[in-house]
N, C-alpha and C. Protein backbone atom coordinates (compact mmCIF):
# COMPACT_ATOMS: atom_id res chain seq x y z
N MET A 1 9.98 -15.69 5.94
CA MET A 1 9.90 -16.05 4.52
C MET A 1 11.24 -15.76 3.83
N LYS A 2 11.79 -14.60 4.00
CA LYS A 2 13.01 -14.24 3.34
C LYS A 2 14.17 -15.09 3.83
N TYR A 3 14.12 -15.48 5.09
CA TYR A 3 15.17 -16.36 5.61
C TYR A 3 15.12 -17.74 5.03
N ILE A 4 13.88 -18.26 4.79
CA ILE A 4 13.72 -19.53 4.16
C ILE A 4 14.24 -19.50 2.73
N LEU A 5 13.91 -18.41 1.98
CA LEU A 5 14.41 -18.30 0.62
C LEU A 5 15.92 -18.18 0.58
N PHE A 6 16.51 -17.47 1.54
CA PHE A 6 17.98 -17.35 1.62
C PHE A 6 18.58 -18.68 1.85
N MET A 7 18.00 -19.45 2.76
CA MET A 7 18.55 -20.80 3.08
C MET A 7 18.44 -21.70 1.90
N VAL A 8 17.33 -21.71 1.20
CA VAL A 8 17.12 -22.55 -0.01
C VAL A 8 18.17 -22.17 -1.09
N LEU A 9 18.30 -20.87 -1.30
CA LEU A 9 19.24 -20.47 -2.32
C LEU A 9 20.66 -20.76 -1.91
N SER A 10 20.98 -20.65 -0.66
CA SER A 10 22.39 -20.91 -0.16
C SER A 10 22.68 -22.43 -0.38
N VAL A 11 21.72 -23.27 -0.03
CA VAL A 11 21.95 -24.71 -0.23
C VAL A 11 22.16 -25.07 -1.65
N LEU A 12 21.23 -24.48 -2.50
CA LEU A 12 21.34 -24.79 -3.91
C LEU A 12 22.60 -24.26 -4.52
N LEU A 13 23.01 -23.05 -4.16
CA LEU A 13 24.20 -22.50 -4.82
C LEU A 13 25.54 -22.98 -4.30
N PHE A 14 25.56 -23.36 -3.01
CA PHE A 14 26.82 -23.71 -2.40
C PHE A 14 26.98 -25.18 -2.10
N SER A 15 26.08 -25.98 -2.69
CA SER A 15 26.21 -27.45 -2.51
C SER A 15 27.36 -27.95 -3.40
N PRO A 16 27.95 -29.07 -3.07
CA PRO A 16 29.01 -29.54 -3.91
C PRO A 16 28.62 -29.64 -5.40
N VAL A 17 29.53 -29.23 -6.23
CA VAL A 17 29.22 -29.21 -7.69
C VAL A 17 29.33 -30.65 -8.22
N GLN A 18 28.28 -31.05 -8.91
CA GLN A 18 28.27 -32.39 -9.51
C GLN A 18 28.81 -32.28 -10.95
N ALA A 19 29.16 -33.36 -11.52
CA ALA A 19 29.71 -33.41 -12.89
C ALA A 19 28.66 -32.81 -13.82
N LYS A 20 27.44 -33.22 -13.68
CA LYS A 20 26.41 -32.67 -14.57
C LYS A 20 25.17 -32.40 -13.75
N GLU A 21 24.68 -31.17 -13.87
CA GLU A 21 23.46 -30.80 -13.12
C GLU A 21 22.24 -31.30 -13.90
N SER A 22 21.26 -31.85 -13.16
CA SER A 22 20.06 -32.31 -13.79
C SER A 22 19.18 -31.14 -14.09
N ARG A 23 18.26 -31.38 -15.00
CA ARG A 23 17.28 -30.32 -15.33
C ARG A 23 16.48 -29.88 -14.15
N GLU A 24 16.13 -30.88 -13.31
CA GLU A 24 15.35 -30.57 -12.10
C GLU A 24 16.13 -29.68 -11.15
N GLU A 25 17.43 -29.98 -11.02
CA GLU A 25 18.29 -29.16 -10.10
C GLU A 25 18.42 -27.73 -10.66
N LYS A 26 18.62 -27.65 -11.97
CA LYS A 26 18.76 -26.32 -12.57
C LYS A 26 17.45 -25.56 -12.43
N GLN A 27 16.33 -26.23 -12.62
CA GLN A 27 15.01 -25.54 -12.45
C GLN A 27 14.85 -25.08 -11.04
N ALA A 28 15.24 -25.89 -10.09
CA ALA A 28 15.15 -25.49 -8.69
C ALA A 28 15.96 -24.25 -8.42
N LYS A 29 17.22 -24.20 -8.93
CA LYS A 29 18.05 -23.02 -8.73
C LYS A 29 17.45 -21.78 -9.39
N LEU A 30 16.91 -21.93 -10.60
CA LEU A 30 16.27 -20.80 -11.25
C LEU A 30 15.05 -20.33 -10.50
N ASP A 31 14.24 -21.28 -10.04
CA ASP A 31 13.03 -20.87 -9.27
C ASP A 31 13.43 -20.19 -7.94
N ALA A 32 14.50 -20.68 -7.27
CA ALA A 32 14.96 -20.02 -6.06
C ALA A 32 15.46 -18.66 -6.33
N ALA A 33 16.15 -18.42 -7.43
CA ALA A 33 16.69 -17.10 -7.80
C ALA A 33 15.51 -16.18 -8.06
N CYS A 34 14.48 -16.67 -8.71
CA CYS A 34 13.33 -15.88 -8.99
C CYS A 34 12.65 -15.43 -7.68
N GLU A 35 12.50 -16.32 -6.74
CA GLU A 35 11.82 -16.06 -5.44
C GLU A 35 12.66 -14.99 -4.66
N VAL A 36 13.97 -15.12 -4.73
CA VAL A 36 14.82 -14.17 -4.02
C VAL A 36 14.67 -12.78 -4.66
N ALA A 37 14.61 -12.71 -5.97
CA ALA A 37 14.42 -11.41 -6.66
C ALA A 37 13.06 -10.82 -6.36
N ARG A 38 12.02 -11.66 -6.32
CA ARG A 38 10.69 -11.20 -5.94
C ARG A 38 10.64 -10.68 -4.54
N GLU A 39 11.28 -11.38 -3.60
CA GLU A 39 11.30 -10.96 -2.21
C GLU A 39 11.96 -9.61 -2.02
N LYS A 40 13.01 -9.36 -2.82
CA LYS A 40 13.73 -8.09 -2.67
C LYS A 40 12.77 -6.92 -3.07
N LYS A 41 11.89 -7.14 -4.01
CA LYS A 41 10.95 -6.12 -4.42
C LYS A 41 9.77 -6.07 -3.45
N LEU A 42 9.32 -7.20 -3.02
CA LEU A 42 8.14 -7.26 -2.15
C LEU A 42 8.38 -6.81 -0.72
N ALA A 43 9.53 -7.08 -0.15
CA ALA A 43 9.81 -6.80 1.27
C ALA A 43 9.52 -5.31 1.64
N PRO A 44 10.03 -4.35 0.90
CA PRO A 44 9.72 -2.99 1.25
C PRO A 44 8.26 -2.60 1.11
N MET A 45 7.63 -3.18 0.12
CA MET A 45 6.18 -2.91 -0.07
C MET A 45 5.39 -3.53 1.07
N ARG A 46 5.73 -4.74 1.48
CA ARG A 46 5.05 -5.42 2.59
C ARG A 46 5.28 -4.63 3.86
N LYS A 47 6.50 -4.13 4.06
CA LYS A 47 6.74 -3.32 5.29
C LYS A 47 5.88 -2.06 5.32
N LYS A 48 5.79 -1.40 4.19
CA LYS A 48 4.99 -0.19 4.10
C LYS A 48 3.48 -0.50 4.46
N HIS A 49 3.01 -1.55 3.92
CA HIS A 49 1.58 -1.93 4.21
C HIS A 49 1.41 -2.24 5.67
N ILE A 50 2.35 -2.92 6.24
CA ILE A 50 2.30 -3.25 7.66
C ILE A 50 2.27 -1.96 8.51
N GLU A 51 3.21 -1.09 8.18
CA GLU A 51 3.23 0.20 8.94
C GLU A 51 1.95 0.99 8.80
N ASN A 52 1.41 1.06 7.57
CA ASN A 52 0.10 1.69 7.38
C ASN A 52 -1.02 1.03 8.16
N CYS A 53 -0.97 -0.28 8.19
CA CYS A 53 -1.97 -1.07 8.95
C CYS A 53 -1.85 -0.71 10.40
N VAL A 54 -0.69 -0.62 10.96
CA VAL A 54 -0.46 -0.31 12.41
C VAL A 54 -0.91 1.15 12.68
N THR A 55 -0.49 2.06 11.82
CA THR A 55 -0.81 3.45 11.98
C THR A 55 -2.28 3.71 11.96
N ASN A 56 -2.98 3.04 11.07
CA ASN A 56 -4.45 3.24 10.81
C ASN A 56 -5.27 2.28 11.65
N ASN A 57 -4.70 1.50 12.56
CA ASN A 57 -5.42 0.58 13.40
C ASN A 57 -6.34 -0.34 12.59
N GLU A 58 -5.82 -0.84 11.44
CA GLU A 58 -6.65 -1.72 10.61
C GLU A 58 -6.79 -3.09 11.17
N GLN A 59 -5.84 -3.48 12.00
CA GLN A 59 -5.89 -4.79 12.73
C GLN A 59 -5.67 -4.49 14.23
N PRO A 60 -5.99 -5.44 15.06
CA PRO A 60 -5.87 -5.14 16.53
C PRO A 60 -4.44 -5.01 17.02
N SER A 61 -3.42 -5.45 16.33
CA SER A 61 -2.06 -5.39 16.80
C SER A 61 -1.05 -5.45 15.64
N ARG A 62 0.18 -5.11 15.91
CA ARG A 62 1.23 -5.20 14.90
C ARG A 62 1.33 -6.63 14.38
N GLU A 63 1.26 -7.59 15.31
CA GLU A 63 1.39 -8.97 14.92
C GLU A 63 0.25 -9.39 14.00
N ALA A 64 -0.96 -8.88 14.25
CA ALA A 64 -2.06 -9.15 13.34
C ALA A 64 -1.83 -8.53 11.98
N CYS A 65 -1.28 -7.33 11.92
CA CYS A 65 -0.91 -6.66 10.67
C CYS A 65 0.14 -7.48 9.87
N GLU A 66 1.15 -7.90 10.62
CA GLU A 66 2.21 -8.72 9.99
C GLU A 66 1.65 -10.03 9.45
N SER A 67 0.75 -10.62 10.19
CA SER A 67 0.14 -11.86 9.72
C SER A 67 -0.70 -11.61 8.49
N PHE A 68 -1.49 -10.54 8.52
CA PHE A 68 -2.39 -10.17 7.42
C PHE A 68 -1.59 -9.96 6.13
N TYR A 69 -0.40 -9.32 6.22
CA TYR A 69 0.33 -8.96 5.01
C TYR A 69 1.52 -9.99 4.75
N ALA A 70 1.55 -11.03 5.49
CA ALA A 70 2.69 -11.99 5.34
C ALA A 70 2.73 -12.61 3.94
N ASP A 71 1.66 -12.77 3.25
CA ASP A 71 1.65 -13.36 1.88
C ASP A 71 1.47 -12.30 0.84
N TYR A 72 1.72 -11.02 1.20
CA TYR A 72 1.54 -9.93 0.23
C TYR A 72 2.40 -10.20 -1.01
N GLY A 73 1.85 -10.05 -2.15
CA GLY A 73 2.54 -10.28 -3.41
C GLY A 73 2.33 -11.68 -4.00
N GLY A 74 1.76 -12.53 -3.23
CA GLY A 74 1.42 -13.86 -3.72
C GLY A 74 0.04 -13.82 -4.42
N ARG A 75 -0.48 -14.91 -4.77
CA ARG A 75 -1.81 -14.95 -5.32
C ARG A 75 -2.80 -14.49 -4.30
N MET A 76 -3.43 -13.31 -4.63
CA MET A 76 -4.32 -12.67 -3.65
C MET A 76 -5.71 -12.53 -4.30
N GLY A 77 -6.69 -13.22 -3.72
CA GLY A 77 -8.03 -13.12 -4.32
C GLY A 77 -7.99 -13.45 -5.76
N GLY A 78 -8.47 -12.53 -6.57
CA GLY A 78 -8.49 -12.76 -8.05
C GLY A 78 -7.27 -12.17 -8.76
N HIS A 79 -6.28 -11.72 -7.97
CA HIS A 79 -5.12 -11.08 -8.54
C HIS A 79 -3.97 -12.05 -8.77
N ALA A 80 -3.23 -11.86 -9.80
CA ALA A 80 -2.04 -12.64 -10.05
C ALA A 80 -0.96 -12.24 -9.12
N PRO A 81 -0.05 -13.20 -8.82
CA PRO A 81 1.12 -12.86 -7.97
C PRO A 81 1.98 -11.77 -8.62
N LEU A 82 2.64 -10.97 -7.82
CA LEU A 82 3.45 -9.87 -8.32
C LEU A 82 4.88 -10.27 -8.66
N PHE A 83 5.42 -9.61 -9.64
CA PHE A 83 6.85 -9.61 -10.02
C PHE A 83 7.34 -10.90 -10.63
N TYR A 84 6.48 -11.66 -11.25
CA TYR A 84 6.98 -12.80 -12.02
C TYR A 84 7.51 -12.35 -13.39
N ASP A 85 7.46 -10.99 -13.59
CA ASP A 85 8.05 -10.50 -14.84
C ASP A 85 9.52 -10.05 -14.67
N LEU A 86 10.08 -10.26 -13.50
CA LEU A 86 11.45 -9.94 -13.27
C LEU A 86 12.36 -10.86 -14.13
N PRO A 87 13.53 -10.42 -14.54
CA PRO A 87 14.37 -11.20 -15.44
C PRO A 87 14.65 -12.66 -14.90
N ALA A 88 14.93 -12.75 -13.59
CA ALA A 88 15.22 -14.08 -12.99
C ALA A 88 14.05 -14.99 -13.14
N CYS A 89 12.85 -14.44 -13.04
CA CYS A 89 11.60 -15.23 -13.11
C CYS A 89 11.28 -15.63 -14.55
N VAL A 90 11.54 -14.68 -15.43
CA VAL A 90 11.34 -14.97 -16.88
C VAL A 90 12.31 -16.08 -17.29
N LYS A 91 13.51 -16.02 -16.80
CA LYS A 91 14.47 -17.06 -17.12
C LYS A 91 14.01 -18.45 -16.64
N ALA A 92 13.53 -18.47 -15.40
CA ALA A 92 13.01 -19.71 -14.80
C ALA A 92 11.87 -20.27 -15.60
N PHE A 93 10.89 -19.35 -15.98
CA PHE A 93 9.74 -19.77 -16.77
C PHE A 93 10.16 -20.30 -18.13
N GLU A 94 11.06 -19.57 -18.80
CA GLU A 94 11.46 -20.02 -20.10
C GLU A 94 12.15 -21.35 -20.06
N PHE A 95 12.98 -21.57 -19.08
CA PHE A 95 13.67 -22.89 -18.86
C PHE A 95 12.62 -23.98 -18.70
N GLN A 96 11.60 -23.71 -17.85
CA GLN A 96 10.53 -24.70 -17.58
C GLN A 96 9.78 -24.99 -18.91
N GLN A 97 9.52 -23.91 -19.66
CA GLN A 97 8.77 -24.13 -20.88
C GLN A 97 9.56 -24.97 -21.90
N GLY A 98 10.85 -24.80 -21.87
CA GLY A 98 11.70 -25.63 -22.75
C GLY A 98 11.58 -27.08 -22.49
N VAL A 99 11.37 -27.46 -21.21
CA VAL A 99 11.12 -28.83 -20.82
C VAL A 99 9.83 -29.30 -21.35
N ARG A 100 8.74 -28.51 -21.18
CA ARG A 100 7.46 -28.87 -21.67
C ARG A 100 7.38 -29.03 -23.15
N GLU A 101 8.05 -28.13 -23.85
CA GLU A 101 8.01 -28.20 -25.34
C GLU A 101 8.66 -29.53 -25.83
N ARG A 102 9.63 -30.01 -25.14
CA ARG A 102 10.29 -31.29 -25.56
C ARG A 102 9.37 -32.51 -25.30
N HIS A 103 8.55 -32.39 -24.29
CA HIS A 103 7.69 -33.50 -23.91
C HIS A 103 6.38 -33.48 -24.72
N SER A 104 6.10 -32.47 -25.43
CA SER A 104 4.90 -32.33 -26.20
C SER A 104 4.92 -33.17 -27.46
């Protein structure tokens, strides 16, 4: 997951600069930055849960624990996804809302 986010962000940030960036391109960059910031916070938490899972034999194998916690921090059951309150995510959300307000 983190490798995919890194690749997306790399492509978005290091692609040839165009004369004018579209709103969709800017939104994609902001969204990617948000996901990278979230992953930085979630990765150590996910690792801790996986280690606890292995130590406590909650799943039959390490691979099963890793699979179980692979989406940790996303929309889980009735819980909201974690860390969308980070500054990069707030910026992406506010930019997106600016688009919606203009179309209303």
